[in-house]
Amino acid sequence: MIADHPWLGVGLDNFLYAYRGKYILPEAWQEPNLAHAHNIIFDSLARLGVFGFGATLWMLSAFFLSAYTTLKRLTDPDLRALTIGLIASMIYTLAHGMVDTGYWFVDLAFVFMMTMGVMKRLESGDACPRSEGERG
C-alpha cells in the first residue's frame, strides 16, 4: 500500500477500503475489516504518505523540543510535574502506537492534540500563575 501510494498515501480513513480492495491476502479472509496498520509509522505512511509522515515527525520533534526547553525553564513544581506528565503521555502514545493505533481514532487524536496544545501553552509562559496566597 505504501509502495503504491508513496507521496500522498491512501487518504484519511481509507485504509480499510484500500486493504479490502487490493491488499488483503487470501489467507486473511477471516479478518477483512482491518481498519489500520498496527504500527504508527506504517499507519501514517499508508494514510498520509511521505509528506504527511514528515509533518507527523515535525510535530513530534516540535513537541519534544518544546518539552525540553519548558522543563529547563520552569521552577514551579506543579508545572514541572504537569510537563513531565505530558512527556510521559506522548511517550506512551508512541509506544502504544507501535503495536496498535496511536492516533487515528477520535479520542486518541483529541488527547494527542490536547497534549501538544498544553505543552505549547506551558512553553509560552502563559500558564496560569499562582498568586502568593494560593501557595500553602
C-alpha atoms as a PDB file:
ATOM      1  CA  MET A   1       0.000   0.000   0.000  1.00  0.00           C
ATOM      2  CA  ILE A   2       2.810   2.397   0.891  1.00  0.00           C
ATOM      3  CA  ALA A   3       4.718   1.442  -2.264  1.00  0.00           C
ATOM      4  CA  ASP A   4       1.634   2.078  -4.412  1.00  0.00           C
ATOM      5  CA  HIS A   5       0.825   5.453  -2.799  1.00  0.00           C
ATOM      6  CA  PRO A   6       4.164   6.806  -1.521  1.00  0.00           C
ATOM      7  CA  TRP A   7       3.617  10.558  -1.734  1.00  0.00           C
ATOM      8  CA  LEU A   8       0.074  11.205  -0.500  1.00  0.00           C
ATOM      9  CA  GLY A   9      -0.977   7.837   0.904  1.00  0.00           C
ATOM     10  CA  VAL A  10      -4.445   6.345   0.539  1.00  0.00           C
ATOM     11  CA  GLY A  11      -6.084   9.195   2.440  1.00  0.00           C
ATOM     12  CA  LEU A  12      -7.654   9.644   5.830  1.00  0.00           C
ATOM     13  CA  ASP A  13      -9.868   6.751   6.893  1.00  0.00           C
ATOM     14  CA  ASN A  14      -9.304   4.914   3.605  1.00  0.00           C
ATOM     15  CA  PHE A  15      -7.006   2.192   4.934  1.00  0.00           C
ATOM     16  CA  LEU A  16      -9.869  -0.292   5.387  1.00  0.00           C
ATOM     17  CA  TYR A  17     -11.205   0.194   1.866  1.00  0.00           C
ATOM     18  CA  ALA A  18      -7.785   0.040   0.222  1.00  0.00           C
ATOM     19  CA  TYR A  19      -6.868  -3.026   2.283  1.00  0.00           C
ATOM     20  CA  ARG A  20     -10.065  -4.876   1.403  1.00  0.00           C
ATOM     21  CA  GLY A  21      -9.959  -3.848  -2.231  1.00  0.00           C
ATOM     22  CA  LYS A  22      -6.416  -4.722  -3.183  1.00  0.00           C
ATOM     23  CA  TYR A  23      -4.088  -5.724  -0.349  1.00  0.00           C
ATOM     24  CA  ILE A  24      -5.809  -8.458   1.667  1.00  0.00           C
ATOM     25  CA  LEU A  25      -4.116 -11.819   1.298  1.00  0.00           C
ATOM     26  CA  PRO A  26      -6.251 -14.875   0.586  1.00  0.00           C
ATOM     27  CA  GLU A  27      -5.073 -16.413   3.880  1.00  0.00           C
ATOM     28  CA  ALA A  28      -6.508 -13.414   5.762  1.00  0.00           C
ATOM     29  CA  TRP A  29     -10.100 -13.981   4.654  1.00  0.00           C
ATOM     30  CA  GLN A  30     -11.231 -14.276   8.313  1.00  0.00           C
ATOM     31  CA  GLU A  31     -10.204 -10.666   9.039  1.00  0.00           C
ATOM     32  CA  PRO A  32     -11.379  -8.455   6.160  1.00  0.00           C
ATOM     33  CA  ASN A  33     -12.118  -5.464   8.415  1.00  0.00           C
ATOM     34  CA  LEU A  34      -8.591  -4.412   9.297  1.00  0.00           C
ATOM     35  CA  ALA A  35      -9.064  -0.656   9.715  1.00  0.00           C
ATOM     36  CA  HIS A  36      -5.466   0.372  10.383  1.00  0.00           C
ATOM     37  CA  ALA A  37      -1.892  -0.814  10.285  1.00  0.00           C
ATOM     38  CA  HIS A  38      -0.938  -1.773  13.819  1.00  0.00           C
ATOM     39  CA  ASN A  39       2.125   0.442  13.778  1.00  0.00           C
ATOM     40  CA  ILE A  40       2.046   4.249  13.973  1.00  0.00           C
ATOM     41  CA  ILE A  41       4.855   4.623  11.439  1.00  0.00           C
ATOM     42  CA  PHE A  42       3.328   2.350   8.811  1.00  0.00           C
ATOM     43  CA  ASP A  43      -0.156   3.686   9.515  1.00  0.00           C
ATOM     44  CA  SER A  44       0.958   7.291   8.999  1.00  0.00           C
ATOM     45  CA  LEU A  45       2.862   6.391   5.834  1.00  0.00           C
ATOM     46  CA  ALA A  46      -0.077   4.412   4.426  1.00  0.00           C
ATOM     47  CA  ARG A  47      -2.686   7.090   5.199  1.00  0.00           C
ATOM     48  CA  LEU A  48      -0.680  10.279   4.633  1.00  0.00           C
ATOM     49  CA  GLY A  49       2.289   9.294   2.501  1.00  0.00           C
ATOM     50  CA  VAL A  50       5.792  10.667   2.858  1.00  0.00           C
ATOM     51  CA  PHE A  51       4.658  14.297   3.153  1.00  0.00           C
ATOM     52  CA  GLY A  52       2.163  13.539   5.916  1.00  0.00           C
ATOM     53  CA  PHE A  53       4.641  11.346   7.737  1.00  0.00           C
ATOM     54  CA  GLY A  54       7.152  14.208   7.549  1.00  0.00           C
ATOM     55  CA  ALA A  55       4.558  16.517   9.094  1.00  0.00           C
ATOM     56  CA  THR A  56       3.986  13.965  11.850  1.00  0.00           C
ATOM     57  CA  LEU A  57       7.709  13.799  12.589  1.00  0.00           C
ATOM     58  CA  TRP A  58       7.868  17.601  12.579  1.00  0.00           C
ATOM     59  CA  MET A  59       5.026  17.826  15.145  1.00  0.00           C
ATOM     60  CA  LEU A  60       6.649  15.238  17.402  1.00  0.00           C
ATOM     61  CA  SER A  61      10.028  16.957  17.149  1.00  0.00           C
ATOM     62  CA  ALA A  62       8.423  20.295  17.995  1.00  0.00           C
ATOM     63  CA  PHE A  63       6.665  18.723  20.975  1.00  0.00           C
ATOM     64  CA  PHE A  64       9.807  17.175  22.463  1.00  0.00           C
ATOM     65  CA  LEU A  65      11.897  20.298  21.816  1.00  0.00           C
ATOM     66  CA  SER A  66       9.207  22.381  23.480  1.00  0.00           C
ATOM     67  CA  ALA A  67       9.063  19.938  26.390  1.00  0.00           C
ATOM     68  CA  TYR A  68      12.827  20.079  26.859  1.00  0.00           C
ATOM     69  CA  THR A  69      13.020  23.881  26.880  1.00  0.00           C
ATOM     70  CA  THR A  70       9.946  24.153  29.117  1.00  0.00           C
ATOM     71  CA  LEU A  71      11.272  21.670  31.643  1.00  0.00           C
ATOM     72  CA  LYS A  72      14.592  23.533  31.819  1.00  0.00           C
ATOM     73  CA  ARG A  73      12.848  26.886  32.372  1.00  0.00           C
ATOM     74  CA  LEU A  74      10.100  26.032  34.859  1.00  0.00           C
ATOM     75  CA  THR A  75      10.641  26.344  38.582  1.00  0.00           C
ATOM     76  CA  ASP A  76       7.086  25.765  39.840  1.00  0.00           C
ATOM     77  CA  PRO A  77       6.971  22.114  40.986  1.00  0.00           C
ATOM     78  CA  ASP A  78       3.346  21.665  39.891  1.00  0.00           C
ATOM     79  CA  LEU A  79       4.024  22.938  36.377  1.00  0.00           C
ATOM     80  CA  ARG A  80       7.146  20.791  36.174  1.00  0.00           C
ATOM     81  CA  ALA A  81       5.067  17.761  37.201  1.00  0.00           C
ATOM     82  CA  LEU A  82       2.487  18.641  34.530  1.00  0.00           C
ATOM     83  CA  THR A  83       5.258  18.916  31.927  1.00  0.00           C
ATOM     84  CA  ILE A  84       6.705  15.543  32.927  1.00  0.00           C
ATOM     85  CA  GLY A  85       3.213  14.036  32.747  1.00  0.00           C
ATOM     86  CA  LEU A  86       2.709  15.429  29.246  1.00  0.00           C
ATOM     87  CA  ILE A  87       6.048  13.990  28.142  1.00  0.00           C
ATOM     88  CA  ALA A  88       5.088  10.600  29.614  1.00  0.00           C
ATOM     89  CA  SER A  89       1.722  10.781  27.854  1.00  0.00           C
ATOM     90  CA  MET A  90       3.377  11.382  24.483  1.00  0.00           C
ATOM     91  CA  ILE A  91       5.902   8.595  25.036  1.00  0.00           C
ATOM     92  CA  TYR A  92       3.044   6.259  25.940  1.00  0.00           C
ATOM     93  CA  THR A  93       1.149   7.300  22.811  1.00  0.00           C
ATOM     94  CA  LEU A  94       4.155   6.463  20.648  1.00  0.00           C
ATOM     95  CA  ALA A  95       4.828   3.168  22.443  1.00  0.00           C
ATOM     96  CA  HIS A  96       1.189   2.108  22.142  1.00  0.00           C
ATOM     97  CA  GLY A  97       1.242   3.180  18.507  1.00  0.00           C
ATOM     98  CA  MET A  98       3.984   0.680  17.768  1.00  0.00           C
ATOM     99  CA  VAL A  99       1.607  -2.253  18.474  1.00  0.00           C
ATOM    100  CA  ASP A 100      -1.823  -0.731  17.796  1.00  0.00           C
ATOM    101  CA  THR A 101      -3.168   2.600  16.672  1.00  0.00           C
ATOM    102  CA  GLY A 102      -1.658   5.671  18.262  1.00  0.00           C
ATOM    103  CA  TYR A 103      -3.632   8.460  16.669  1.00  0.00           C
ATOM    104  CA  TRP A 104      -6.337   7.609  14.143  1.00  0.00           C
ATOM    105  CA  PHE A 105      -9.351   7.384  16.453  1.00  0.00           C
ATOM    106  CA  VAL A 106     -11.201  10.478  17.608  1.00  0.00           C
ATOM    107  CA  ASP A 107     -10.411  10.050  21.305  1.00  0.00           C
ATOM    108  CA  LEU A 108      -6.715   9.346  20.698  1.00  0.00           C
ATOM    109  CA  ALA A 109      -6.386  12.256  18.276  1.00  0.00           C
ATOM    110  CA  PHE A 110      -8.074  14.554  20.802  1.00  0.00           C
ATOM    111  CA  VAL A 111      -5.685  13.576  23.599  1.00  0.00           C
ATOM    112  CA  PHE A 112      -2.687  13.857  21.259  1.00  0.00           C
ATOM    113  CA  MET A 113      -3.613  17.376  20.157  1.00  0.00           C
ATOM    114  CA  MET A 114      -4.591  18.454  23.676  1.00  0.00           C
ATOM    115  CA  THR A 115      -1.196  17.254  24.918  1.00  0.00           C
ATOM    116  CA  MET A 116       0.505  19.243  22.149  1.00  0.00           C
ATOM    117  CA  GLY A 117      -1.556  22.348  22.945  1.00  0.00           C
ATOM    118  CA  VAL A 118      -0.981  22.265  26.700  1.00  0.00           C
ATOM    119  CA  MET A 119       2.751  21.841  26.122  1.00  0.00           C
ATOM    120  CA  LYS A 120       2.828  24.857  23.815  1.00  0.00           C
ATOM    121  CA  ARG A 121       0.902  26.860  26.415  1.00  0.00           C
ATOM    122  CA  LEU A 122       3.414  25.901  29.091  1.00  0.00           C
ATOM    123  CA  GLU A 123       6.296  26.760  26.764  1.00  0.00           C
ATOM    124  CA  SER A 124       4.890  30.211  26.056  1.00  0.00           C
ATOM    125  CA  GLY A 125       4.810  31.000  29.747  1.00  0.00           C
ATOM    126  CA  ASP A 126       1.088  31.793  29.673  1.00  0.00           C
ATOM    127  CA  ALA A 127       0.234  29.044  32.144  1.00  0.00           C
ATOM    128  CA  CYS A 128      -1.943  30.331  34.950  1.00  0.00           C
ATOM    129  CA  PRO A 129       0.444  31.671  37.579  1.00  0.00           C
ATOM    130  CA  ARG A 130      -0.434  31.196  41.215  1.00  0.00           C
ATOM    131  CA  SER A 131      -0.969  34.170  43.435  1.00  0.00           C
ATOM    132  CA  GLU A 132       1.074  34.340  46.629  1.00  0.00           C
ATOM    133  CA  GLY A 133      -1.946  33.487  48.793  1.00  0.00           C
ATOM    134  CA  GLU A 134      -2.651  30.202  46.992  1.00  0.00           C
ATOM    135  CA  ARG A 135       0.602  28.504  47.939  1.00  0.00           C
ATOM    136  CA  GLY A 136       0.240  26.576  51.163  1.00  0.00           C
END
